Amino acid sequence: MRKKPKPEMLEPYDLDTPSWIVDESLDRTTPYTEEELDLLVEGTLEGIRDTASWKNLVDRAGEKEARRILRSRIIMQDENARKVSRH
């Protein structure tokens, strides 16, 4: 039994799908901008704000420092962070 070959064309995506999802060659090659980092921090906080781990970090370090720690962890996970130095 032969497998059916995969189509060459990608399935159409809705207009809200970022182009780099459809075509990996369009993936970003630069570090996150400050604005992107702000959005990532806020989006992450929406998902973790009520967790025991986040509350424990805030209790130990304070809200401002906890946010800074979260931001630094996001930067550390960015595969493009070392391509351009941050100030």
N, C-alpha and C. Protein backbone atom coordinates (compact mmCIF):
# COMPACT_ATOMS: atom_id res chain seq x y z
N MET A 1 0.84 -1.17 0.00
CA MET A 1 0.00 0.00 0.00
C MET A 1 0.89 1.25 0.00
N ARG A 2 0.72 2.11 -0.98
CA ARG A 2 1.52 3.34 -1.09
C ARG A 2 0.86 4.46 -0.33
N LYS A 3 1.75 5.26 0.29
CA LYS A 3 1.23 6.43 0.99
C LYS A 3 0.91 7.51 -0.02
N LYS A 4 -0.11 8.24 0.25
CA LYS A 4 -0.49 9.35 -0.59
C LYS A 4 0.53 10.47 -0.44
N PRO A 5 1.07 10.99 -1.54
CA PRO A 5 2.07 12.07 -1.41
C PRO A 5 1.44 13.32 -0.81
N LYS A 6 2.27 14.04 -0.04
CA LYS A 6 1.79 15.28 0.55
C LYS A 6 1.72 16.37 -0.52
N PRO A 7 0.71 17.19 -0.45
CA PRO A 7 0.61 18.28 -1.43
C PRO A 7 1.74 19.28 -1.24
N GLU A 8 2.18 19.87 -2.31
CA GLU A 8 3.26 20.86 -2.26
C GLU A 8 2.79 22.17 -1.65
N MET A 9 1.56 22.52 -1.89
CA MET A 9 1.02 23.80 -1.39
C MET A 9 0.56 23.63 0.05
N LEU A 10 0.80 24.64 0.86
CA LEU A 10 0.30 24.65 2.22
C LEU A 10 -1.19 24.95 2.20
N GLU A 11 -1.89 24.46 3.18
CA GLU A 11 -3.31 24.77 3.26
C GLU A 11 -3.47 26.25 3.55
N PRO A 12 -4.52 26.84 3.05
CA PRO A 12 -4.72 28.27 3.31
C PRO A 12 -5.00 28.53 4.79
N TYR A 13 -4.49 29.62 5.28
CA TYR A 13 -4.71 30.01 6.67
C TYR A 13 -5.56 31.27 6.67
N ASP A 14 -6.16 31.55 7.81
CA ASP A 14 -6.96 32.76 7.88
C ASP A 14 -6.04 33.98 7.86
N LEU A 15 -6.61 35.13 7.69
CA LEU A 15 -5.82 36.36 7.54
C LEU A 15 -5.08 36.76 8.80
N ASP A 16 -5.48 36.23 9.96
CA ASP A 16 -4.82 36.56 11.21
C ASP A 16 -3.56 35.74 11.46
N THR A 17 -3.32 34.72 10.66
CA THR A 17 -2.15 33.87 10.85
C THR A 17 -0.91 34.62 10.36
N PRO A 18 0.09 34.76 11.24
CA PRO A 18 1.32 35.45 10.82
C PRO A 18 1.98 34.73 9.64
N SER A 19 2.59 35.49 8.76
CA SER A 19 3.19 34.91 7.56
C SER A 19 4.30 33.93 7.90
N TRP A 20 5.02 34.14 9.02
CA TRP A 20 6.12 33.25 9.35
C TRP A 20 5.62 31.88 9.82
N ILE A 21 4.35 31.77 10.18
CA ILE A 21 3.78 30.46 10.53
C ILE A 21 3.63 29.64 9.25
N VAL A 22 3.22 30.28 8.20
CA VAL A 22 3.00 29.61 6.92
C VAL A 22 4.33 29.33 6.22
N ASP A 23 5.25 30.27 6.31
CA ASP A 23 6.54 30.16 5.61
C ASP A 23 7.67 30.40 6.61
N GLU A 24 8.34 29.35 7.04
CA GLU A 24 9.39 29.47 8.05
C GLU A 24 10.55 30.36 7.62
N SER A 25 10.72 30.54 6.32
CA SER A 25 11.81 31.41 5.87
C SER A 25 11.57 32.86 6.27
N LEU A 26 10.32 33.18 6.65
CA LEU A 26 9.98 34.54 7.07
C LEU A 26 10.09 34.72 8.58
N ASP A 27 10.52 33.69 9.28
CA ASP A 27 10.68 33.78 10.73
C ASP A 27 11.65 34.90 11.06
N ARG A 28 11.45 35.54 12.19
CA ARG A 28 12.31 36.67 12.56
C ARG A 28 13.73 36.18 12.81
N THR A 29 14.68 37.04 12.55
CA THR A 29 16.09 36.70 12.74
C THR A 29 16.78 37.71 13.65
N THR A 30 15.99 38.54 14.29
CA THR A 30 16.53 39.55 15.19
C THR A 30 15.94 39.32 16.59
N PRO A 31 16.60 39.87 17.61
CA PRO A 31 16.05 39.74 18.96
C PRO A 31 14.70 40.44 19.08
N TYR A 32 13.94 40.07 20.12
CA TYR A 32 12.68 40.76 20.38
C TYR A 32 12.95 42.24 20.61
N THR A 33 12.06 43.08 20.13
CA THR A 33 12.14 44.51 20.42
C THR A 33 11.64 44.73 21.85
N GLU A 34 11.88 45.90 22.38
CA GLU A 34 11.39 46.23 23.72
C GLU A 34 9.87 46.12 23.77
N GLU A 35 9.20 46.56 22.71
CA GLU A 35 7.74 46.48 22.65
C GLU A 35 7.27 45.03 22.63
N GLU A 36 7.96 44.19 21.88
CA GLU A 36 7.60 42.77 21.84
C GLU A 36 7.82 42.12 23.20
N LEU A 37 8.92 42.48 23.85
CA LEU A 37 9.18 41.95 25.19
C LEU A 37 8.08 42.36 26.17
N ASP A 38 7.66 43.61 26.09
CA ASP A 38 6.56 44.08 26.95
C ASP A 38 5.30 43.24 26.73
N LEU A 39 4.98 42.98 25.46
CA LEU A 39 3.79 42.17 25.14
C LEU A 39 3.95 40.74 25.63
N LEU A 40 5.14 40.17 25.47
CA LEU A 40 5.38 38.80 25.92
C LEU A 40 5.28 38.70 27.44
N VAL A 41 5.81 39.67 28.15
CA VAL A 41 5.72 39.67 29.61
C VAL A 41 4.26 39.75 30.03
N GLU A 42 3.52 40.69 29.47
CA GLU A 42 2.11 40.84 29.84
C GLU A 42 1.30 39.59 29.49
N GLY A 43 1.55 39.02 28.32
CA GLY A 43 0.84 37.81 27.93
C GLY A 43 1.17 36.63 28.83
N THR A 44 2.42 36.52 29.21
CA THR A 44 2.82 35.44 30.11
C THR A 44 2.19 35.63 31.48
N LEU A 45 2.17 36.88 31.95
CA LEU A 45 1.58 37.15 33.26
C LEU A 45 0.09 36.80 33.29
N GLU A 46 -0.60 37.00 32.19
CA GLU A 46 -2.02 36.63 32.14
C GLU A 46 -2.21 35.15 32.44
N GLY A 47 -1.25 34.34 32.02
CA GLY A 47 -1.36 32.91 32.22
C GLY A 47 -0.81 32.40 33.55
N ILE A 48 0.08 33.17 34.18
CA ILE A 48 0.73 32.65 35.40
C ILE A 48 0.43 33.45 36.65
N ARG A 49 -0.26 34.56 36.53
CA ARG A 49 -0.47 35.47 37.66
C ARG A 49 -1.10 34.78 38.88
N ASP A 50 -1.97 33.81 38.65
CA ASP A 50 -2.66 33.14 39.76
C ASP A 50 -1.96 31.87 40.22
N THR A 51 -0.78 31.58 39.69
CA THR A 51 -0.09 30.35 40.09
C THR A 51 0.69 30.56 41.39
N ALA A 52 0.88 29.47 42.10
CA ALA A 52 1.64 29.53 43.35
C ALA A 52 3.08 29.97 43.10
N SER A 53 3.66 29.50 42.00
CA SER A 53 5.06 29.86 41.69
C SER A 53 5.22 31.36 41.51
N TRP A 54 4.32 31.98 40.75
CA TRP A 54 4.41 33.43 40.53
C TRP A 54 4.20 34.18 41.84
N LYS A 55 3.18 33.79 42.60
CA LYS A 55 2.90 34.46 43.86
C LYS A 55 4.09 34.33 44.82
N ASN A 56 4.73 33.17 44.84
CA ASN A 56 5.90 32.95 45.68
C ASN A 56 7.05 33.86 45.25
N LEU A 57 7.28 33.98 43.94
CA LEU A 57 8.34 34.86 43.43
C LEU A 57 8.06 36.31 43.81
N VAL A 58 6.82 36.74 43.66
CA VAL A 58 6.45 38.11 44.01
C VAL A 58 6.64 38.34 45.51
N ASP A 59 6.27 37.35 46.32
CA ASP A 59 6.44 37.48 47.77
C ASP A 59 7.91 37.62 48.14
N ARG A 60 8.78 36.87 47.47
CA ARG A 60 10.21 36.89 47.78
C ARG A 60 10.93 38.09 47.19
N ALA A 61 10.57 38.46 45.96
CA ALA A 61 11.35 39.48 45.24
C ALA A 61 10.62 40.81 45.05
N GLY A 62 9.33 40.82 45.22
CA GLY A 62 8.55 42.02 44.93
C GLY A 62 8.08 42.00 43.48
N GLU A 63 7.00 42.72 43.20
CA GLU A 63 6.38 42.71 41.86
C GLU A 63 7.35 43.20 40.78
N LYS A 64 8.02 44.31 41.03
CA LYS A 64 8.91 44.89 40.02
C LYS A 64 10.07 43.94 39.67
N GLU A 65 10.69 43.37 40.69
CA GLU A 65 11.81 42.45 40.46
C GLU A 65 11.32 41.16 39.81
N ALA A 66 10.15 40.68 40.19
CA ALA A 66 9.59 39.46 39.58
C ALA A 66 9.36 39.67 38.09
N ARG A 67 8.86 40.84 37.73
CA ARG A 67 8.67 41.16 36.30
C ARG A 67 10.01 41.20 35.57
N ARG A 68 11.02 41.77 36.22
CA ARG A 68 12.34 41.84 35.61
C ARG A 68 12.91 40.43 35.41
N ILE A 69 12.70 39.56 36.38
CA ILE A 69 13.16 38.18 36.27
C ILE A 69 12.45 37.48 35.12
N LEU A 70 11.14 37.65 35.03
CA LEU A 70 10.37 37.05 33.94
C LEU A 70 10.88 37.55 32.59
N ARG A 71 11.08 38.84 32.48
CA ARG A 71 11.58 39.44 31.23
C ARG A 71 12.95 38.85 30.87
N SER A 72 13.83 38.72 31.85
CA SER A 72 15.17 38.20 31.56
C SER A 72 15.09 36.74 31.12
N ARG A 73 14.15 35.97 31.67
CA ARG A 73 13.98 34.57 31.25
C ARG A 73 13.49 34.49 29.82
N ILE A 74 12.60 35.39 29.44
CA ILE A 74 12.12 35.42 28.05
C ILE A 74 13.27 35.74 27.11
N ILE A 75 14.10 36.70 27.48
CA ILE A 75 15.26 37.07 26.66
C ILE A 75 16.21 35.88 26.55
N MET A 76 16.43 35.16 27.65
CA MET A 76 17.34 34.02 27.63
C MET A 76 16.85 32.91 26.70
N GLN A 77 15.53 32.80 26.53
CA GLN A 77 14.97 31.77 25.66
C GLN A 77 14.90 32.19 24.20
N ASP A 78 15.19 33.46 23.92
CA ASP A 78 15.14 33.97 22.54
C ASP A 78 16.39 33.52 21.79
N GLU A 79 16.20 32.66 20.80
CA GLU A 79 17.34 32.14 20.04
C GLU A 79 18.09 33.22 19.28
N ASN A 80 17.47 34.37 19.10
CA ASN A 80 18.12 35.47 18.37
C ASN A 80 18.70 36.54 19.28
N ALA A 81 18.64 36.36 20.59
CA ALA A 81 19.05 37.39 21.54
C ALA A 81 20.52 37.76 21.41
N ARG A 82 21.36 36.84 21.02
CA ARG A 82 22.80 37.13 20.95
C ARG A 82 23.22 37.75 19.63
N LYS A 83 22.30 37.92 18.72
CA LYS A 83 22.66 38.47 17.40
C LYS A 83 22.92 39.96 17.44
N VAL A 84 22.27 40.65 18.37
CA VAL A 84 22.46 42.09 18.53
C VAL A 84 22.54 42.37 20.01
N SER A 85 23.52 43.16 20.42
CA SER A 85 23.65 43.43 21.85
C SER A 85 22.55 44.36 22.31
N ARG A 86 22.09 44.14 23.54
CA ARG A 86 21.06 44.98 24.16
C ARG A 86 21.75 46.00 25.05
N HIS A 87 21.13 47.15 25.18
CA HIS A 87 21.68 48.20 26.05
C HIS A 87 20.87 48.30 27.30
